[in-house]
C-alpha atoms as a PDB file:
ATOM      1  CA  MET A   1      -0.098  -0.241   0.199  1.00  0.00           C
ATOM      2  CA  VAL A   2       1.099   3.716  -1.002  1.00  0.00           C
ATOM      3  CA  PRO A   3       1.668   5.755   1.802  1.00  0.00           C
ATOM      4  CA  LEU A   4      -1.053   8.658   1.474  1.00  0.00           C
ATOM      5  CA  ARG A   5       1.835  11.448   1.956  1.00  0.00           C
ATOM      6  CA  TYR A   6       3.890  10.386  -1.212  1.00  0.00           C
ATOM      7  CA  SER A   7       0.678  10.183  -3.346  1.00  0.00           C
ATOM      8  CA  PHE A   8      -0.323  13.363  -2.351  1.00  0.00           C
ATOM      9  CA  SER A   9       3.385  14.650  -3.134  1.00  0.00           C
ATOM     10  CA  LYS A  10       3.276  12.771  -6.325  1.00  0.00           C
ATOM     11  CA  TRP A  11       0.207  14.394  -7.529  1.00  0.00           C
ATOM     12  CA  ILE A  12       1.021  18.058  -6.998  1.00  0.00           C
ATOM     13  CA  ARG A  13       4.266  17.044  -8.690  1.00  0.00           C
ATOM     14  CA  SER A  14       1.986  15.565 -11.583  1.00  0.00           C
ATOM     15  CA  GLY A  15       1.256  19.033 -12.672  1.00  0.00           C
ATOM     16  CA  TYR A  16      -2.417  18.493 -12.657  1.00  0.00           C
ATOM     17  CA  PHE A  17      -2.739  20.449  -8.978  1.00  0.00           C
ATOM     18  CA  TYR A  18      -1.288  23.601 -10.986  1.00  0.00           C
ATOM     19  CA  SER A  19      -3.967  23.476 -13.565  1.00  0.00           C
ATOM     20  CA  MET A  20      -6.443  23.228 -11.099  1.00  0.00           C
ATOM     21  CA  ILE A  21      -5.713  26.498  -9.712  1.00  0.00           C
ATOM     22  CA  LEU A  22      -4.782  27.854 -12.959  1.00  0.00           C
ATOM     23  CA  ARG A  23      -8.455  27.314 -13.847  1.00  0.00           C
ATOM     24  CA  ASN A  24      -9.671  28.401 -11.092  1.00  0.00           C
ATOM     25  CA  ILE A  25      -8.256  31.738 -10.888  1.00  0.00           C
ATOM     26  CA  ILE A  26      -9.039  32.158 -14.565  1.00  0.00           C
ATOM     27  CA  LEU A  27     -13.049  31.379 -13.369  1.00  0.00           C
ATOM     28  CA  ILE A  28     -12.539  34.009 -10.649  1.00  0.00           C
ATOM     29  CA  SER A  29     -10.992  36.553 -12.449  1.00  0.00           C
ATOM     30  CA  ILE A  30     -13.840  36.249 -15.210  1.00  0.00           C
ATOM     31  CA  SER A  31     -16.708  36.206 -12.600  1.00  0.00           C
ATOM     32  CA  LEU A  32     -15.037  39.400 -10.987  1.00  0.00           C
ATOM     33  CA  TRP A  33     -14.789  40.915 -14.107  1.00  0.00           C
ATOM     34  CA  VAL A  34     -18.321  40.316 -15.096  1.00  0.00           C
ATOM     35  CA  PHE A  35     -19.430  41.924 -12.016  1.00  0.00           C
ATOM     36  CA  SER A  36     -17.109  44.970 -12.529  1.00  0.00           C
ATOM     37  CA  CYS A  37     -18.980  45.666 -15.693  1.00  0.00           C
ATOM     38  CA  GLY A  38     -22.105  45.091 -14.751  1.00  0.00           C
ATOM     39  CA  LYS A  39     -21.216  47.587 -11.888  1.00  0.00           C
ATOM     40  CA  SER A  40     -19.948  50.454 -14.379  1.00  0.00           C
ATOM     41  CA  ILE A  41     -22.795  49.492 -16.514  1.00  0.00           C
ATOM     42  CA  ASP A  42     -25.214  50.142 -13.801  1.00  0.00           C
ATOM     43  CA  LYS A  43     -22.860  53.495 -12.729  1.00  0.00           C
ATOM     44  CA  GLN A  44     -23.508  54.813 -16.209  1.00  0.00           C
ATOM     45  CA  HIS A  45     -26.918  54.368 -16.094  1.00  0.00           C
ATOM     46  CA  ALA A  46     -27.557  55.858 -12.482  1.00  0.00           C
ATOM     47  CA  GLN A  47     -25.144  58.817 -13.500  1.00  0.00           C
ATOM     48  CA  TYR A  48     -27.139  59.907 -16.686  1.00  0.00           C
ATOM     49  CA  ILE A  49     -30.757  59.355 -15.059  1.00  0.00           C
ATOM     50  CA  GLY A  50     -30.277  60.230 -11.848  1.00  0.00           C
ATOM     51  CA  GLY A  51     -28.095  63.736 -12.369  1.00  0.00           C
ATOM     52  CA  VAL A  52     -30.222  65.266 -14.892  1.00  0.00           C
ATOM     53  CA  MET A  53     -32.943  66.458 -12.639  1.00  0.00           C
ATOM     54  CA  THR A  54     -31.592  69.876 -11.837  1.00  0.00           C
ATOM     55  CA  ASP A  55     -31.276  70.445 -15.470  1.00  0.00           C
ATOM     56  CA  ASN A  56     -34.619  70.293 -15.886  1.00  0.00           C
ATOM     57  CA  PRO A  57     -36.359  72.009 -12.567  1.00  0.00           C
ATOM     58  CA  ALA A  58     -39.454  72.733 -14.617  1.00  0.00           C
ATOM     59  CA  TYR A  59     -40.242  69.192 -14.746  1.00  0.00           C
ATOM     60  CA  SER A  60     -41.044  68.344 -11.246  1.00  0.00           C
ATOM     61  CA  VAL A  61     -43.125  65.477 -11.164  1.00  0.00           C
ATOM     62  CA  ASP A  62     -40.828  62.565 -11.176  1.00  0.00           C
ATOM     63  CA  PHE A  63     -42.612  59.253 -11.959  1.00  0.00           C
ATOM     64  CA  GLY A  64     -39.147  57.251 -11.359  1.00  0.00           C
ATOM     65  CA  THR A  65     -36.984  54.679 -12.868  1.00  0.00           C
ATOM     66  CA  ALA A  66     -38.034  51.600 -14.771  1.00  0.00           C
ATOM     67  CA  GLU A  67     -35.848  49.114 -16.666  1.00  0.00           C
ATOM     68  CA  ASN A  68     -36.109  45.855 -18.381  1.00  0.00           C
ATOM     69  CA  THR A  69     -35.350  42.491 -17.210  1.00  0.00           C
ATOM     70  CA  SER A  70     -32.149  42.091 -18.594  1.00  0.00           C
ATOM     71  CA  GLN A  71     -31.231  46.011 -17.266  1.00  0.00           C
ATOM     72  CA  THR A  72     -29.948  46.629 -20.867  1.00  0.00           C
ATOM     73  CA  VAL A  73     -32.570  49.696 -20.907  1.00  0.00           C
ATOM     74  CA  ARG A  74     -33.290  52.030 -18.205  1.00  0.00           C
ATOM     75  CA  ALA A  75     -35.577  55.066 -18.493  1.00  0.00           C
ATOM     76  CA  ARG A  76     -36.805  57.753 -16.072  1.00  0.00           C
ATOM     77  CA  LEU A  77     -39.746  59.703 -16.736  1.00  0.00           C
ATOM     78  CA  LEU A  78     -40.322  63.213 -15.558  1.00  0.00           C
ATOM     79  CA  ALA A  79     -43.031  65.742 -16.364  1.00  0.00           C
ATOM     80  CA  ASN A  80     -43.771  69.318 -16.253  1.00  0.00           C
ATOM     81  CA  PRO A  81     -47.275  70.114 -14.326  1.00  0.00           C
ATOM     82  CA  GLY A  82     -48.098  73.460 -15.690  1.00  0.00           C
ATOM     83  CA  THR A  83     -47.484  72.207 -19.620  1.00  0.00           C
ATOM     84  CA  GLN A  84     -48.300  68.503 -19.273  1.00  0.00           C
ATOM     85  CA  GLU A  85     -44.857  68.178 -21.459  1.00  0.00           C
ATOM     86  CA  LEU A  86     -43.138  64.817 -20.503  1.00  0.00           C
ATOM     87  CA  ILE A  87     -39.116  63.996 -20.472  1.00  0.00           C
ATOM     88  CA  VAL A  88     -38.067  60.639 -20.656  1.00  0.00           C
ATOM     89  CA  LEU A  89     -34.052  59.798 -19.997  1.00  0.00           C
ATOM     90  CA  LEU A  90     -33.128  56.796 -21.785  1.00  0.00           C
ATOM     91  CA  SER A  91     -30.088  54.405 -20.990  1.00  0.00           C
ATOM     92  CA  MET A  92     -29.575  51.500 -23.481  1.00  0.00           C
ATOM     93  CA  MET A  93     -27.073  49.320 -23.262  1.00  0.00           C
ATOM     94  CA  ASN A  94     -25.868  46.851 -26.550  1.00  0.00           C
ATOM     95  CA  THR A  95     -24.435  43.889 -25.643  1.00  0.00           C
ATOM     96  CA  THR A  96     -24.699  42.187 -28.598  1.00  0.00           C
ATOM     97  CA  LYS A  97     -21.884  41.887 -31.202  1.00  0.00           C
ATOM     98  CA  ASP A  98     -23.638  43.952 -34.125  1.00  0.00           C
ATOM     99  CA  THR A  99     -24.312  47.774 -34.378  1.00  0.00           C
ATOM    100  CA  ILE A 100     -28.023  48.789 -33.036  1.00  0.00           C
ATOM    101  CA  THR A 101     -29.842  51.384 -35.138  1.00  0.00           C
ATOM    102  CA  LEU A 102     -33.140  52.883 -33.823  1.00  0.00           C
ATOM    103  CA  THR A 103     -35.367  55.258 -35.627  1.00  0.00           C
ATOM    104  CA  PRO A 104     -37.884  57.834 -33.938  1.00  0.00           C
ATOM    105  CA  ASN A 105     -40.798  55.451 -34.538  1.00  0.00           C
ATOM    106  CA  ASP A 106     -39.003  53.053 -32.584  1.00  0.00           C
ATOM    107  CA  PHE A 107     -39.799  55.140 -29.714  1.00  0.00           C
ATOM    108  CA  ARG A 108     -43.357  55.133 -28.494  1.00  0.00           C
ATOM    109  CA  LEU A 109     -45.159  56.951 -25.706  1.00  0.00           C
ATOM    110  CA  SER A 110     -48.927  55.329 -24.570  1.00  0.00           C
ATOM    111  CA  THR A 111     -51.492  57.389 -22.061  1.00  0.00           C
ATOM    112  CA  GLU A 112     -53.938  55.114 -20.164  1.00  0.00           C
ATOM    113  CA  GLU A 113     -56.340  55.263 -22.767  1.00  0.00           C
ATOM    114  CA  GLY A 114     -54.047  54.461 -25.381  1.00  0.00           C
ATOM    115  CA  ASN A 115     -53.305  57.600 -27.077  1.00  0.00           C
ATOM    116  CA  THR A 116     -49.348  57.158 -28.440  1.00  0.00           C
ATOM    117  CA  VAL A 117     -47.010  59.573 -30.114  1.00  0.00           C
ATOM    118  CA  GLN A 118     -42.979  59.234 -30.735  1.00  0.00           C
ATOM    119  CA  PRO A 119     -40.659  62.186 -29.680  1.00  0.00           C
ATOM    120  CA  VAL A 120     -40.862  65.620 -30.721  1.00  0.00           C
ATOM    121  CA  ASN A 121     -37.311  66.520 -30.439  1.00  0.00           C
ATOM    122  CA  LEU A 122     -35.638  63.157 -32.261  1.00  0.00           C
ATOM    123  CA  ASP A 123     -35.641  63.211 -35.968  1.00  0.00           C
ATOM    124  CA  THR A 124     -32.799  60.917 -36.571  1.00  0.00           C
ATOM    125  CA  THR A 125     -31.471  57.613 -36.069  1.00  0.00           C
ATOM    126  CA  THR A 126     -29.720  56.504 -32.943  1.00  0.00           C
ATOM    127  CA  ALA A 127     -26.419  54.262 -33.145  1.00  0.00           C
ATOM    128  CA  ILE A 128     -25.428  51.734 -30.690  1.00  0.00           C
ATOM    129  CA  THR A 129     -22.061  50.023 -31.491  1.00  0.00           C
ATOM    130  CA  PRO A 130     -21.434  46.802 -29.780  1.00  0.00           C
ATOM    131  CA  GLU A 131     -20.920  46.888 -25.765  1.00  0.00           C
ATOM    132  CA  ASN A 132     -21.602  50.844 -25.657  1.00  0.00           C
ATOM    133  CA  ILE A 133     -24.306  52.454 -24.307  1.00  0.00           C
ATOM    134  CA  VAL A 134     -26.378  55.547 -25.447  1.00  0.00           C
ATOM    135  CA  HIS A 135     -28.144  57.856 -23.604  1.00  0.00           C
ATOM    136  CA  LEU A 136     -31.470  59.691 -25.080  1.00  0.00           C
ATOM    137  CA  LYS A 137     -33.787  62.567 -23.726  1.00  0.00           C
ATOM    138  CA  LEU A 138     -36.658  62.277 -25.387  1.00  0.00           C
ATOM    139  CA  LYS A 139     -39.561  65.065 -25.332  1.00  0.00           C
ATOM    140  CA  PHE A 140     -43.287  64.128 -25.405  1.00  0.00           C
ATOM    141  CA  SER A 141     -46.082  66.221 -25.896  1.00  0.00           C
ATOM    142  CA  ILE A 142     -49.125  63.926 -25.883  1.00  0.00           C
ATOM    143  CA  ILE A 143     -53.104  64.136 -25.896  1.00  0.00           C
ATOM    144  CA  ASN A 144     -53.938  62.739 -21.981  1.00  0.00           C
ATOM    145  CA  SER A 145     -57.734  63.057 -22.854  1.00  0.00           C
ATOM    146  CA  ARG A 146     -59.088  62.519 -26.248  1.00  0.00           C
ATOM    147  CA  LEU A 147     -62.601  63.569 -25.247  1.00  0.00           C
ATOM    148  CA  PHE A 148     -61.463  66.788 -23.662  1.00  0.00           C
ATOM    149  CA  TYR A 149     -59.088  67.877 -26.625  1.00  0.00           C
ATOM    150  CA  SER A 150     -62.178  67.111 -29.126  1.00  0.00           C
ATOM    151  CA  THR A 151     -63.911  69.827 -27.474  1.00  0.00           C
ATOM    152  CA  THR A 152     -61.384  72.001 -26.087  1.00  0.00           C
ATOM    153  CA  GLY A 153     -58.543  71.876 -28.032  1.00  0.00           C
ATOM    154  CA  LEU A 154     -56.437  71.320 -24.890  1.00  0.00           C
ATOM    155  CA  ALA A 155     -54.228  67.838 -24.100  1.00  0.00           C
ATOM    156  CA  GLY A 156     -55.914  67.292 -20.892  1.00  0.00           C
ATOM    157  CA  ASP A 157     -54.681  66.613 -17.291  1.00  0.00           C
ATOM    158  CA  MET A 158     -51.324  64.650 -16.814  1.00  0.00           C
ATOM    159  CA  ASN A 159     -52.287  61.077 -16.542  1.00  0.00           C
ATOM    160  CA  GLN A 160     -51.397  58.873 -13.319  1.00  0.00           C
ATOM    161  CA  GLU A 161     -49.867  56.166 -15.866  1.00  0.00           C
ATOM    162  CA  TYR A 162     -47.819  56.212 -18.506  1.00  0.00           C
ATOM    163  CA  GLN A 163     -46.053  53.699 -20.608  1.00  0.00           C
ATOM    164  CA  LEU A 164     -42.908  53.801 -23.194  1.00  0.00           C
ATOM    165  CA  LYS A 165     -41.920  50.915 -25.809  1.00  0.00           C
ATOM    166  CA  VAL A 166     -38.965  50.873 -27.425  1.00  0.00           C
ATOM    167  CA  ASN A 167     -38.465  48.687 -30.293  1.00  0.00           C
ATOM    168  CA  PHE A 168     -34.901  46.967 -29.227  1.00  0.00           C
ATOM    169  CA  ARG A 169     -33.451  44.708 -31.505  1.00  0.00           C
ATOM    170  CA  GLY A 170     -36.490  43.795 -33.419  1.00  0.00           C
ATOM    171  CA  HIS A 171     -38.223  42.878 -30.001  1.00  0.00           C
ATOM    172  CA  PRO A 172     -40.204  45.358 -28.145  1.00  0.00           C
ATOM    173  CA  ILE A 173     -39.175  46.503 -24.407  1.00  0.00           C
ATOM    174  CA  THR A 174     -41.919  47.617 -22.555  1.00  0.00           C
ATOM    175  CA  LEU A 175     -41.394  50.175 -19.555  1.00  0.00           C
ATOM    176  CA  ASP A 176     -44.411  51.346 -17.299  1.00  0.00           C
ATOM    177  CA  TRP A 177     -44.561  54.327 -14.399  1.00  0.00           C
ATOM    178  CA  ARG A 178     -47.416  55.017 -12.156  1.00  0.00           C
ATOM    179  CA  LEU A 179     -47.391  57.617  -9.908  1.00  0.00           C
ATOM    180  CA  SER A 180     -48.299  57.385  -6.204  1.00  0.00           C
ATOM    181  CA  GLU A 181     -51.566  58.113  -5.078  1.00  0.00           C
ATOM    182  CA  GLU A 182     -50.371  61.017  -2.828  1.00  0.00           C
ATOM    183  CA  VAL A 183     -48.298  62.683  -5.534  1.00  0.00           C
ATOM    184  CA  PHE A 184     -50.919  62.662  -7.935  1.00  0.00           C
ATOM    185  CA  ASN A 185     -53.205  64.058  -5.790  1.00  0.00           C
ATOM    186  CA  ASN A 186     -51.033  66.676  -4.882  1.00  0.00           C
ATOM    187  CA  TYR A 187     -50.911  67.301  -9.226  1.00  0.00           C
ATOM    188  CA  SER A 188     -54.379  67.414  -9.284  1.00  0.00           C
ATOM    189  CA  GLY A 189     -55.022  69.994  -6.880  1.00  0.00           C
ATOM    190  CA  SER A 190     -52.633  72.282  -7.965  1.00  0.00           C
ATOM    191  CA  TYR A 191     -52.065  72.066 -11.694  1.00  0.00           C
ATOM    192  CA  GLY A 192     -55.292  69.804 -13.057  1.00  0.00           C
ATOM    193  CA  ILE A 193     -57.947  71.992 -15.279  1.00  0.00           C
ATOM    194  CA  GLU A 194     -60.460  69.198 -16.730  1.00  0.00           C
ATOM    195  CA  GLU A 195     -62.821  69.777 -13.568  1.00  0.00           C
ATOM    196  CA  LYS A 196     -62.056  73.543 -13.445  1.00  0.00           C
ATOM    197  CA  VAL A 197     -63.560  74.094 -17.110  1.00  0.00           C
ATOM    198  CA  ILE A 198     -66.892  75.064 -18.441  1.00  0.00           C
ATOM    199  CA  VAL A 199     -66.920  73.987 -22.012  1.00  0.00           C
ATOM    200  CA  PHE A 200     -69.485  75.556 -24.299  1.00  0.00           C
ATOM    201  CA  MET A 201     -71.043  74.514 -27.547  1.00  0.00           C
ATOM    202  CA  PRO A 202     -72.744  76.474 -30.394  1.00  0.00           C
ATOM    203  CA  GLU A 203     -76.035  76.188 -31.312  1.00  0.00           C
ATOM    204  CA  LEU A 204     -78.159  76.738 -34.912  1.00  0.00           C
ATOM    205  CA  ASP A 205     -81.113  77.341 -35.715  1.00  0.00           C
ATOM    206  CA  GLU A 206     -81.428  75.342 -38.913  1.00  0.00           C
ATOM    207  CA  ASN A 207     -84.644  76.573 -40.299  1.00  0.00           C
ATOM    208  CA  ALA A 208     -83.844  80.280 -39.978  1.00  0.00           C
ATOM    209  CA  GLN A 209     -80.130  79.073 -41.793  1.00  0.00           C
ATOM    210  CA  LYS A 210     -81.595  77.415 -44.561  1.00  0.00           C
ATOM    211  CA  SER A 211     -83.745  79.789 -45.171  1.00  0.00           C
ATOM    212  CA  TYR A 212     -81.422  82.707 -45.210  1.00  0.00           C
ATOM    213  CA  GLN A 213     -79.144  80.409 -47.707  1.00  0.00           C
ATOM    214  CA  VAL A 214     -81.966  80.068 -50.267  1.00  0.00           C
ATOM    215  CA  LEU A 215     -82.731  83.462 -50.078  1.00  0.00           C
ATOM    216  CA  ASN A 216     -79.275  84.608 -50.906  1.00  0.00           C
ATOM    217  CA  GLY A 217     -78.272  82.216 -53.468  1.00  0.00           C
ATOM    218  CA  MET A 218     -76.279  79.904 -51.357  1.00  0.00           C
ATOM    219  CA  ASN A 219     -76.151  76.043 -51.653  1.00  0.00           C
ATOM    220  CA  THR A 220     -78.644  74.493 -49.228  1.00  0.00           C
ATOM    221  CA  PHE A 221     -76.873  71.878 -47.173  1.00  0.00           C
ATOM    222  CA  ILE A 222     -76.921  72.446 -43.435  1.00  0.00           C
ATOM    223  CA  HIS A 223     -75.394  70.208 -40.816  1.00  0.00           C
ATOM    224  CA  SER A 224     -74.631  70.907 -37.152  1.00  0.00           C
ATOM    225  CA  GLY A 225     -73.702  68.702 -34.010  1.00  0.00           C
ATOM    226  CA  GLY A 226     -71.487  69.110 -31.187  1.00  0.00           C
ATOM    227  CA  THR A 227     -68.625  71.722 -32.390  1.00  0.00           C
ATOM    228  CA  GLU A 228     -68.774  71.577 -36.190  1.00  0.00           C
ATOM    229  CA  ILE A 229     -71.359  73.134 -38.440  1.00  0.00           C
ATOM    230  CA  ALA A 230     -71.642  73.216 -42.076  1.00  0.00           C
ATOM    231  CA  THR A 231     -73.276  75.561 -44.023  1.00  0.00           C
ATOM    232  CA  ALA A 232     -73.350  76.739 -47.955  1.00  0.00           C
ATOM    233  CA  GLY A 233     -70.346  74.541 -48.557  1.00  0.00           C
ATOM    234  CA  ILE A 234     -68.416  75.729 -45.295  1.00  0.00           C
ATOM    235  CA  ASN A 235     -67.423  73.623 -42.839  1.00  0.00           C
ATOM    236  CA  THR A 236     -66.628  75.288 -39.226  1.00  0.00           C
ATOM    237  CA  ARG A 237     -65.591  73.974 -36.059  1.00  0.00           C
ATOM    238  CA  PHE A 238     -65.615  76.145 -32.819  1.00  0.00           C
ATOM    239  CA  ARG A 239     -64.250  75.512 -29.507  1.00  0.00           C
ATOM    240  CA  SER A 240     -64.690  77.366 -26.559  1.00  0.00           C
ATOM    241  CA  TYR A 241     -64.414  77.028 -22.850  1.00  0.00           C
ATOM    242  CA  HIS A 242     -63.867  78.941 -19.604  1.00  0.00           C
ATOM    243  CA  ILE A 243     -61.387  79.085 -17.202  1.00  0.00           C
ATOM    244  CA  LYS A 244     -60.622  81.370 -14.386  1.00  0.00           C
ATOM    245  CA  ASP A 245     -60.861  84.621 -15.769  1.00  0.00           C
ATOM    246  CA  THR A 246     -60.768  84.004 -19.703  1.00  0.00           C
ATOM    247  CA  LEU A 247     -63.187  82.597 -22.068  1.00  0.00           C
ATOM    248  CA  HIS A 248     -61.606  81.061 -25.006  1.00  0.00           C
ATOM    249  CA  LEU A 249     -62.601  80.716 -28.556  1.00  0.00           C
ATOM    250  CA  ALA A 250     -61.089  78.951 -31.320  1.00  0.00           C
ATOM    251  CA  VAL A 251     -62.546  78.480 -34.943  1.00  0.00           C
ATOM    252  CA  ARG A 252     -61.467  76.459 -37.754  1.00  0.00           C
ATOM    253  CA  LEU A 253     -63.117  77.056 -41.483  1.00  0.00           C
ATOM    254  CA  VAL A 254     -62.256  74.960 -44.291  1.00  0.00           C
ATOM    255  CA  ASN A 255     -64.168  76.393 -47.500  1.00  0.00           C
ATOM    256  CA  HIS A 256     -65.566  73.840 -49.659  1.00  0.00           C
ATOM    257  CA  SER A 257     -67.939  76.243 -51.403  1.00  0.00           C
ATOM    258  CA  ASP A 258     -67.279  77.691 -54.790  1.00  0.00           C
ATOM    259  CA  HIS A 259     -67.202  81.500 -53.455  1.00  0.00           C
ATOM    260  CA  GLU A 260     -64.694  83.461 -51.793  1.00  0.00           C
ATOM    261  CA  ILE A 261     -64.833  83.811 -47.972  1.00  0.00           C
ATOM    262  CA  ARG A 262     -63.623  86.810 -46.238  1.00  0.00           C
ATOM    263  CA  ILE A 263     -63.301  86.419 -42.006  1.00  0.00           C
ATOM    264  CA  TYR A 264     -62.640  89.533 -39.861  1.00  0.00           C
ATOM    265  CA  PRO A 265     -60.837  88.349 -36.652  1.00  0.00           C
ATOM    266  CA  GLU A 266     -61.367  91.741 -35.313  1.00  0.00           C
ATOM    267  CA  GLY A 267     -65.259  91.127 -36.075  1.00  0.00           C
ATOM    268  CA  PHE A 268     -65.199  88.115 -33.240  1.00  0.00           C
ATOM    269  CA  VAL A 269     -67.267  89.952 -31.065  1.00  0.00           C
ATOM    270  CA  LEU A 270     -69.111  88.243 -28.360  1.00  0.00           C
ATOM    271  CA  ARG A 271     -72.488  89.629 -26.927  1.00  0.00           C
ATOM    272  CA  LEU A 272     -72.395  88.480 -23.217  1.00  0.00           C
ATOM    273  CA  ASP A 273     -75.822  89.599 -21.438  1.00  0.00           C
ATOM    274  CA  HIS A 274     -75.757  93.476 -22.398  1.00  0.00           C
ATOM    275  CA  GLN A 275     -71.851  93.727 -23.010  1.00  0.00           C
ATOM    276  CA  LEU A 276     -69.674  93.595 -26.142  1.00  0.00           C
ATOM    277  CA  LEU A 277     -66.693  91.517 -25.477  1.00  0.00           C
ATOM    278  CA  ILE A 278     -63.540  92.827 -27.760  1.00  0.00           C
ATOM    279  CA  PRO A 279     -60.850  89.804 -28.665  1.00  0.00           C
ATOM    280  CA  GLY A 280     -57.281  90.409 -27.807  1.00  0.00           C
ATOM    281  CA  GLN A 281     -54.722  91.063 -30.388  1.00  0.00           C
ATOM    282  CA  THR A 282     -56.140  90.140 -33.804  1.00  0.00           C
ATOM    283  CA  THR A 283     -54.719  90.367 -37.513  1.00  0.00           C
ATOM    284  CA  GLY A 284     -56.734  91.990 -40.862  1.00  0.00           C
ATOM    285  CA  PRO A 285     -58.842  90.472 -43.166  1.00  0.00           C
ATOM    286  CA  VAL A 286     -58.339  86.692 -44.161  1.00  0.00           C
ATOM    287  CA  HIS A 287     -59.627  85.929 -47.564  1.00  0.00           C
ATOM    288  CA  LEU A 288     -59.726  82.099 -48.556  1.00  0.00           C
ATOM    289  CA  LYS A 289     -60.622  80.612 -51.980  1.00  0.00           C
ATOM    290  CA  LYS A 290     -62.059  77.031 -52.780  1.00  0.00           C
ATOM    291  CA  SER A 291     -60.266  74.374 -50.375  1.00  0.00           C
ATOM    292  CA  GLU A 292     -58.189  76.875 -48.504  1.00  0.00           C
ATOM    293  CA  ARG A 293     -58.718  76.888 -44.557  1.00  0.00           C
ATOM    294  CA  TYR A 294     -58.371  79.467 -41.711  1.00  0.00           C
ATOM    295  CA  ILE A 295     -57.682  78.636 -37.843  1.00  0.00           C
ATOM    296  CA  GLY A 296     -57.972  81.355 -35.543  1.00  0.00           C
ATOM    297  CA  SER A 297     -58.054  81.727 -31.447  1.00  0.00           C
ATOM    298  CA  PHE A 298     -59.674  84.553 -29.397  1.00  0.00           C
ATOM    299  CA  THR A 299     -59.435  85.267 -25.866  1.00  0.00           C
ATOM    300  CA  TYR A 300     -61.997  87.669 -23.554  1.00  0.00           C
ATOM    301  CA  VAL A 301     -61.447  88.634 -19.581  1.00  0.00           C
ATOM    302  CA  VAL A 302     -64.532  88.113 -18.421  1.00  0.00           C
ATOM    303  CA  ASP A 303     -65.501  88.903 -14.301  1.00  0.00           C
ATOM    304  CA  LYS A 304     -68.560  85.735 -13.963  1.00  0.00           C
ATOM    305  CA  THR A 305     -68.632  82.452 -15.741  1.00  0.00           C
ATOM    306  CA  PRO A 306     -71.241  82.707 -18.183  1.00  0.00           C
ATOM    307  CA  VAL A 307     -73.556  80.184 -19.036  1.00  0.00           C
ATOM    308  CA  ARG A 308     -74.708  81.592 -22.766  1.00  0.00           C
ATOM    309  CA  PHE A 309     -72.902  84.376 -25.353  1.00  0.00           C
ATOM    310  CA  LEU A 310     -73.260  84.927 -28.828  1.00  0.00           C
ATOM    311  CA  LEU A 311     -71.237  85.445 -31.478  1.00  0.00           C
ATOM    312  CA  LEU A 312     -71.721  88.323 -33.630  1.00  0.00           C
ATOM    313  CA  LYS A 313     -72.568  87.592 -37.253  1.00  0.00           C
ATOM    314  CA  GLU A 314     -70.333  89.867 -39.303  1.00  0.00           C
ATOM    315  CA  ALA A 315     -67.259  87.749 -38.024  1.00  0.00           C
ATOM    316  CA  ILE A 316     -67.370  85.518 -41.143  1.00  0.00           C
ATOM    317  CA  LYS A 317     -68.839  86.556 -44.588  1.00  0.00           C
ATOM    318  CA  ILE A 318     -69.215  85.037 -48.138  1.00  0.00           C
ATOM    319  CA  LEU A 319     -69.238  86.408 -51.502  1.00  0.00           C
ATOM    320  CA  PRO A 320     -71.900  84.304 -53.663  1.00  0.00           C
ATOM    321  CA  ALA A 321     -72.134  86.464 -57.267  1.00  0.00           C
ATOM    322  CA  ASN A 322     -69.235  88.797 -55.113  1.00  0.00           C
ATOM    323  CA  ASN A 323     -71.809  90.092 -53.404  1.00  0.00           C
ATOM    324  CA  GLU A 324     -70.976  89.888 -49.886  1.00  0.00           C
ATOM    325  CA  ARG A 325     -73.057  88.465 -47.027  1.00  0.00           C
ATOM    326  CA  ASN A 326     -72.855  87.009 -43.503  1.00  0.00           C
ATOM    327  CA  LEU A 327     -72.438  83.139 -43.674  1.00  0.00           C
ATOM    328  CA  PHE A 328     -74.667  83.062 -40.855  1.00  0.00           C
ATOM    329  CA  ALA A 329     -78.020  84.312 -41.015  1.00  0.00           C
ATOM    330  CA  ASN A 330     -78.292  85.237 -36.839  1.00  0.00           C
ATOM    331  CA  ASP A 331     -75.818  85.547 -34.276  1.00  0.00           C
ATOM    332  CA  LEU A 332     -74.087  82.568 -33.053  1.00  0.00           C
ATOM    333  CA  THR A 333     -75.536  80.989 -30.073  1.00  0.00           C
ATOM    334  CA  PHE A 334     -73.408  79.428 -27.543  1.00  0.00           C
ATOM    335  CA  LYS A 335     -74.226  77.487 -24.474  1.00  0.00           C
ATOM    336  CA  VAL A 336     -72.878  75.522 -21.792  1.00  0.00           C
ATOM    337  CA  ALA A 337     -72.604  72.007 -22.550  1.00  0.00           C
ATOM    338  CA  GLU A 338     -75.641  69.658 -21.384  1.00  0.00           C
ATOM    339  CA  GLU A 339     -72.834  67.387 -20.387  1.00  0.00           C
ATOM    340  CA  GLN A 340     -69.109  68.662 -19.309  1.00  0.00           C
ATOM    341  CA  VAL A 341     -66.088  66.382 -19.772  1.00  0.00           C
ATOM    342  CA  PRO A 342     -65.437  64.309 -16.716  1.00  0.00           C
END
């Protein structure tokens, strides 16, 4: 029987012992390198995402940080409570051996009701070379409420939740954010406007308008509903709302008729009770030929919340046979909408 001490000495001299030590050293070194790389990547993510807040003081609502499971994409969402504009501070790591190219369409931010937009400040492709990190600051202007926007032209209050989808290497990565109830309630109380806005809808006397169009040789088509009115081949859309001490009126007009249209911005005068409200700064007359359009916005300072007002009919003219006529037979009535936007 061979002594144990002799066998152990022979095993050491055989070289196998040293190969095992060398292998373990290599494995430990690789593990430490991977760990240090992970720490380095994490540090680069954190330095960018965590250090930009002071550069954007207006974006005071912080949704926090979200990341994908492999930690190759990490992002922080900030919001400007006054404008509802959103910023995503995005940090992406390319762990593949190929360069990854991303277009603006590869970044999509969504609201709770599914409204989706791409960044407003990104119009070029972004290339990420292998084993490198790219940092992006993406700005988004998004419609938070379709219904509120359709009646007022405003984006609506900031949502409590948002989602960003990044088409990364052909595979969508989803990042989700949700504000805490306390932070969201504080925002709503200080900056929310949806519950403070009073919406107005136009009302048209279709019988009187049709008789007027026939009498003046105009196209007899008439349709009105919601914010839209179509008369004599001219499509108009009125959005009006009141908030604080200001009454807002916006008009969009498209001329589909065969006649010229003349719009007098200074003529967008409102009658509120026995008072005439003159719009703020305006331009001179606007002439529209067929297929041309006009978009205008007007504001009026009021000392109380109105329930009804009139837009004087002289604001918009039509020229059948080069004979200028008011487009509307009567002053256009606006009343508080029966159902306000929730």
